[in-house]
Amino acid sequence: VEGKKYKPAETIVEPIKVYIKYTKQEVLEKEYNQKIEEYKRMLTETDYKAIKYAEGWISEEEYTYTKSLRQSYRDKINEYQELLLNLTNETK
């Protein structure tokens, strides 16, 4: 219509959801890798106490709990790495 100004139509954009179906193995691999990274992070968080002990700033008695905690983290890392290895060997 002449003389009337029209607003352009609004563009509505909706996100598209994409669902990816993972195999049981892929889910377990992701879970194991996340656990490994979590325990490595926890191990790293106690590095400062190991360094303090190594440099003589804290006693054996003060370090005993941290030492056993760090070993339990390493044991868990090894456990999940073994599970991951077994999981990949099962598919070969």
N, C-alpha and C. Protein backbone atom coordinates (compact mmCIF):
# COMPACT_ATOMS: atom_id res chain seq x y z
N VAL A 1 0.86 -1.16 0.00
CA VAL A 1 0.00 0.00 0.00
C VAL A 1 0.91 1.23 0.00
N GLU A 2 0.60 2.13 -0.87
CA GLU A 2 1.43 3.30 -1.05
C GLU A 2 1.31 4.26 0.13
N GLY A 3 2.45 4.79 0.59
CA GLY A 3 2.45 5.74 1.68
C GLY A 3 2.54 5.09 3.05
N LYS A 4 2.32 3.80 3.17
CA LYS A 4 2.44 3.12 4.45
C LYS A 4 3.79 2.43 4.53
N LYS A 5 4.37 2.51 5.73
CA LYS A 5 5.65 1.82 5.93
C LYS A 5 5.39 0.53 6.67
N TYR A 6 6.03 -0.50 6.21
CA TYR A 6 5.87 -1.81 6.82
C TYR A 6 7.17 -2.22 7.51
N LYS A 7 7.01 -2.84 8.67
CA LYS A 7 8.17 -3.40 9.36
C LYS A 7 8.48 -4.75 8.75
N PRO A 8 9.76 -5.04 8.61
CA PRO A 8 10.08 -6.38 8.11
C PRO A 8 9.67 -7.44 9.14
N ALA A 9 9.32 -8.58 8.66
CA ALA A 9 8.91 -9.69 9.55
C ALA A 9 10.09 -10.09 10.42
N GLU A 10 9.81 -10.43 11.68
CA GLU A 10 10.86 -10.87 12.59
C GLU A 10 11.28 -12.28 12.22
N THR A 11 12.55 -12.49 12.31
CA THR A 11 13.07 -13.83 12.05
C THR A 11 13.19 -14.55 13.38
N ILE A 12 12.57 -15.67 13.46
CA ILE A 12 12.63 -16.47 14.68
C ILE A 12 13.57 -17.63 14.42
N VAL A 13 14.60 -17.68 15.25
CA VAL A 13 15.58 -18.76 15.10
C VAL A 13 15.52 -19.61 16.36
N GLU A 14 15.25 -20.86 16.17
CA GLU A 14 15.21 -21.79 17.30
C GLU A 14 16.40 -22.72 17.19
N PRO A 15 17.02 -23.02 18.34
CA PRO A 15 18.16 -23.95 18.29
C PRO A 15 17.72 -25.34 17.85
N ILE A 16 18.59 -25.97 17.15
CA ILE A 16 18.32 -27.34 16.71
C ILE A 16 19.02 -28.28 17.69
N LYS A 17 18.28 -29.18 18.23
CA LYS A 17 18.86 -30.14 19.17
C LYS A 17 19.29 -31.39 18.40
N VAL A 18 20.52 -31.78 18.65
CA VAL A 18 21.06 -32.96 17.99
C VAL A 18 21.36 -33.99 19.07
N TYR A 19 20.82 -35.13 18.92
CA TYR A 19 21.05 -36.20 19.88
C TYR A 19 21.96 -37.24 19.22
N ILE A 20 23.00 -37.57 19.93
CA ILE A 20 23.95 -38.55 19.41
C ILE A 20 23.83 -39.81 20.26
N LYS A 21 23.66 -40.90 19.60
CA LYS A 21 23.55 -42.16 20.31
C LYS A 21 24.95 -42.76 20.45
N TYR A 22 25.33 -42.98 21.70
CA TYR A 22 26.65 -43.55 21.98
C TYR A 22 26.51 -45.04 22.30
N THR A 23 27.53 -45.77 21.93
CA THR A 23 27.54 -47.19 22.28
C THR A 23 27.90 -47.32 23.76
N LYS A 24 27.65 -48.48 24.31
CA LYS A 24 28.00 -48.73 25.71
C LYS A 24 29.50 -48.53 25.92
N GLN A 25 30.29 -49.00 24.96
CA GLN A 25 31.74 -48.86 25.05
C GLN A 25 32.15 -47.39 25.07
N GLU A 26 31.56 -46.59 24.22
CA GLU A 26 31.90 -45.16 24.17
C GLU A 26 31.56 -44.46 25.49
N VAL A 27 30.44 -44.83 26.06
CA VAL A 27 30.03 -44.25 27.34
C VAL A 27 31.01 -44.64 28.44
N LEU A 28 31.40 -45.91 28.47
CA LEU A 28 32.35 -46.37 29.48
C LEU A 28 33.73 -45.74 29.28
N GLU A 29 34.17 -45.61 28.03
CA GLU A 29 35.46 -44.97 27.75
C GLU A 29 35.47 -43.54 28.29
N LYS A 30 34.40 -42.83 28.02
CA LYS A 30 34.30 -41.45 28.49
C LYS A 30 34.31 -41.40 30.02
N GLU A 31 33.55 -42.28 30.63
CA GLU A 31 33.48 -42.33 32.10
C GLU A 31 34.85 -42.64 32.70
N TYR A 32 35.54 -43.64 32.16
CA TYR A 32 36.85 -44.03 32.68
C TYR A 32 37.87 -42.90 32.50
N ASN A 33 37.85 -42.26 31.34
CA ASN A 33 38.77 -41.15 31.10
C ASN A 33 38.50 -39.98 32.03
N GLN A 34 37.22 -39.72 32.30
CA GLN A 34 36.88 -38.65 33.24
C GLN A 34 37.38 -38.97 34.64
N LYS A 35 37.23 -40.21 35.05
CA LYS A 35 37.71 -40.63 36.37
C LYS A 35 39.23 -40.51 36.46
N ILE A 36 39.91 -40.93 35.41
CA ILE A 36 41.38 -40.84 35.39
C ILE A 36 41.79 -39.37 35.54
N GLU A 37 41.17 -38.49 34.79
CA GLU A 37 41.50 -37.07 34.86
C GLU A 37 41.18 -36.49 36.24
N GLU A 38 40.07 -36.93 36.82
CA GLU A 38 39.69 -36.46 38.16
C GLU A 38 40.74 -36.85 39.21
N TYR A 39 41.18 -38.10 39.17
CA TYR A 39 42.18 -38.57 40.14
C TYR A 39 43.54 -37.91 39.88
N LYS A 40 43.88 -37.67 38.62
CA LYS A 40 45.13 -36.97 38.32
C LYS A 40 45.08 -35.54 38.87
N ARG A 41 43.93 -34.90 38.74
CA ARG A 41 43.77 -33.54 39.27
C ARG A 41 43.92 -33.55 40.78
N MET A 42 43.31 -34.54 41.45
CA MET A 42 43.40 -34.64 42.90
C MET A 42 44.84 -34.91 43.34
N LEU A 43 45.55 -35.70 42.56
CA LEU A 43 46.95 -35.99 42.85
C LEU A 43 47.78 -34.70 42.72
N THR A 44 47.51 -33.95 41.68
CA THR A 44 48.21 -32.68 41.46
C THR A 44 47.95 -31.70 42.60
N GLU A 45 46.73 -31.72 43.12
CA GLU A 45 46.38 -30.80 44.21
C GLU A 45 47.16 -31.08 45.50
N THR A 46 47.73 -32.27 45.63
CA THR A 46 48.51 -32.60 46.83
C THR A 46 50.02 -32.54 46.57
N ASP A 47 50.41 -32.15 45.37
CA ASP A 47 51.84 -32.06 45.03
C ASP A 47 52.59 -31.15 46.00
N TYR A 48 51.96 -30.05 46.38
CA TYR A 48 52.67 -29.09 47.24
C TYR A 48 53.09 -29.72 48.57
N LYS A 49 52.25 -30.64 49.09
CA LYS A 49 52.62 -31.30 50.35
C LYS A 49 53.76 -32.29 50.13
N ALA A 50 53.76 -32.96 49.00
CA ALA A 50 54.86 -33.89 48.69
C ALA A 50 56.17 -33.11 48.55
N ILE A 51 56.09 -31.95 47.94
CA ILE A 51 57.28 -31.12 47.79
C ILE A 51 57.75 -30.60 49.15
N LYS A 52 56.81 -30.15 49.97
CA LYS A 52 57.16 -29.68 51.31
C LYS A 52 57.85 -30.79 52.11
N TYR A 53 57.34 -32.01 51.98
CA TYR A 53 57.94 -33.15 52.68
C TYR A 53 59.35 -33.43 52.14
N ALA A 54 59.46 -33.44 50.82
CA ALA A 54 60.75 -33.73 50.19
C ALA A 54 61.80 -32.68 50.57
N GLU A 55 61.35 -31.46 50.75
CA GLU A 55 62.28 -30.37 51.11
C GLU A 55 62.50 -30.26 52.62
N GLY A 56 61.81 -31.10 53.39
CA GLY A 56 62.01 -31.12 54.83
C GLY A 56 61.19 -30.11 55.61
N TRP A 57 60.18 -29.54 54.99
CA TRP A 57 59.36 -28.53 55.67
C TRP A 57 58.28 -29.15 56.55
N ILE A 58 57.90 -30.38 56.26
CA ILE A 58 56.93 -31.09 57.12
C ILE A 58 57.50 -32.46 57.48
N SER A 59 57.06 -32.97 58.62
CA SER A 59 57.61 -34.24 59.12
C SER A 59 56.93 -35.43 58.46
N GLU A 60 57.52 -36.60 58.67
CA GLU A 60 56.94 -37.86 58.19
C GLU A 60 55.54 -38.03 58.76
N GLU A 61 55.39 -37.69 60.03
CA GLU A 61 54.09 -37.82 60.70
C GLU A 61 53.05 -36.92 60.04
N GLU A 62 53.45 -35.70 59.71
CA GLU A 62 52.52 -34.77 59.06
C GLU A 62 52.18 -35.20 57.64
N TYR A 63 53.10 -35.90 57.00
CA TYR A 63 52.92 -36.29 55.60
C TYR A 63 52.25 -37.65 55.44
N THR A 64 52.17 -38.44 56.49
CA THR A 64 51.67 -39.82 56.40
C THR A 64 50.29 -39.91 55.74
N TYR A 65 49.35 -39.09 56.18
CA TYR A 65 47.99 -39.14 55.62
C TYR A 65 48.00 -38.79 54.14
N THR A 66 48.71 -37.72 53.78
CA THR A 66 48.78 -37.29 52.39
C THR A 66 49.43 -38.35 51.52
N LYS A 67 50.45 -38.99 52.08
CA LYS A 67 51.16 -40.04 51.34
C LYS A 67 50.21 -41.19 51.00
N SER A 68 49.41 -41.63 51.97
CA SER A 68 48.47 -42.73 51.71
C SER A 68 47.35 -42.28 50.77
N LEU A 69 46.95 -41.03 50.89
CA LEU A 69 45.92 -40.48 50.01
C LEU A 69 46.43 -40.46 48.56
N ARG A 70 47.65 -39.99 48.38
CA ARG A 70 48.25 -39.95 47.04
C ARG A 70 48.38 -41.34 46.44
N GLN A 71 48.74 -42.32 47.28
CA GLN A 71 48.84 -43.69 46.78
C GLN A 71 47.47 -44.22 46.36
N SER A 72 46.45 -43.89 47.12
CA SER A 72 45.09 -44.34 46.74
C SER A 72 44.67 -43.71 45.42
N TYR A 73 45.06 -42.45 45.17
CA TYR A 73 44.76 -41.81 43.88
C TYR A 73 45.48 -42.53 42.74
N ARG A 74 46.76 -42.86 42.95
CA ARG A 74 47.52 -43.58 41.92
C ARG A 74 46.91 -44.96 41.67
N ASP A 75 46.48 -45.63 42.74
CA ASP A 75 45.84 -46.95 42.59
C ASP A 75 44.57 -46.84 41.75
N LYS A 76 43.79 -45.79 42.00
CA LYS A 76 42.54 -45.60 41.24
C LYS A 76 42.84 -45.28 39.77
N ILE A 77 43.85 -44.46 39.54
CA ILE A 77 44.25 -44.14 38.16
C ILE A 77 44.64 -45.43 37.45
N ASN A 78 45.45 -46.26 38.09
CA ASN A 78 45.87 -47.54 37.49
C ASN A 78 44.67 -48.44 37.24
N GLU A 79 43.74 -48.47 38.18
CA GLU A 79 42.53 -49.31 38.04
C GLU A 79 41.72 -48.89 36.82
N TYR A 80 41.49 -47.59 36.67
CA TYR A 80 40.69 -47.11 35.53
C TYR A 80 41.45 -47.25 34.22
N GLN A 81 42.76 -47.12 34.24
CA GLN A 81 43.55 -47.33 33.02
C GLN A 81 43.47 -48.79 32.60
N GLU A 82 43.49 -49.69 33.57
CA GLU A 82 43.36 -51.12 33.27
C GLU A 82 41.96 -51.43 32.70
N LEU A 83 40.94 -50.85 33.30
CA LEU A 83 39.58 -51.04 32.79
C LEU A 83 39.46 -50.52 31.36
N LEU A 84 40.07 -49.39 31.10
CA LEU A 84 40.05 -48.80 29.77
C LEU A 84 40.79 -49.69 28.77
N LEU A 85 41.92 -50.21 29.18
CA LEU A 85 42.69 -51.11 28.31
C LEU A 85 41.90 -52.38 28.01
N ASN A 86 41.27 -52.96 29.03
CA ASN A 86 40.46 -54.16 28.85
C ASN A 86 39.27 -53.89 27.93
N LEU A 87 38.70 -52.72 28.07
CA LEU A 87 37.55 -52.34 27.26
C LEU A 87 37.94 -52.26 25.79
N THR A 88 39.09 -51.66 25.50
CA THR A 88 39.52 -51.54 24.10
C THR A 88 39.98 -52.89 23.56
N ASN A 89 40.53 -53.75 24.41
CA ASN A 89 40.95 -55.08 23.96
C ASN A 89 39.75 -55.98 23.65
N GLU A 90 38.64 -55.75 24.33
CA GLU A 90 37.43 -56.56 24.10
C GLU A 90 36.86 -56.34 22.70
N THR A 91 37.08 -55.16 22.16
CA THR A 91 36.50 -54.85 20.84
C THR A 91 37.40 -55.25 19.68
N LYS A 92 38.61 -55.70 19.99
CA LYS A 92 39.53 -56.10 18.90
C LYS A 92 39.34 -57.52 18.51
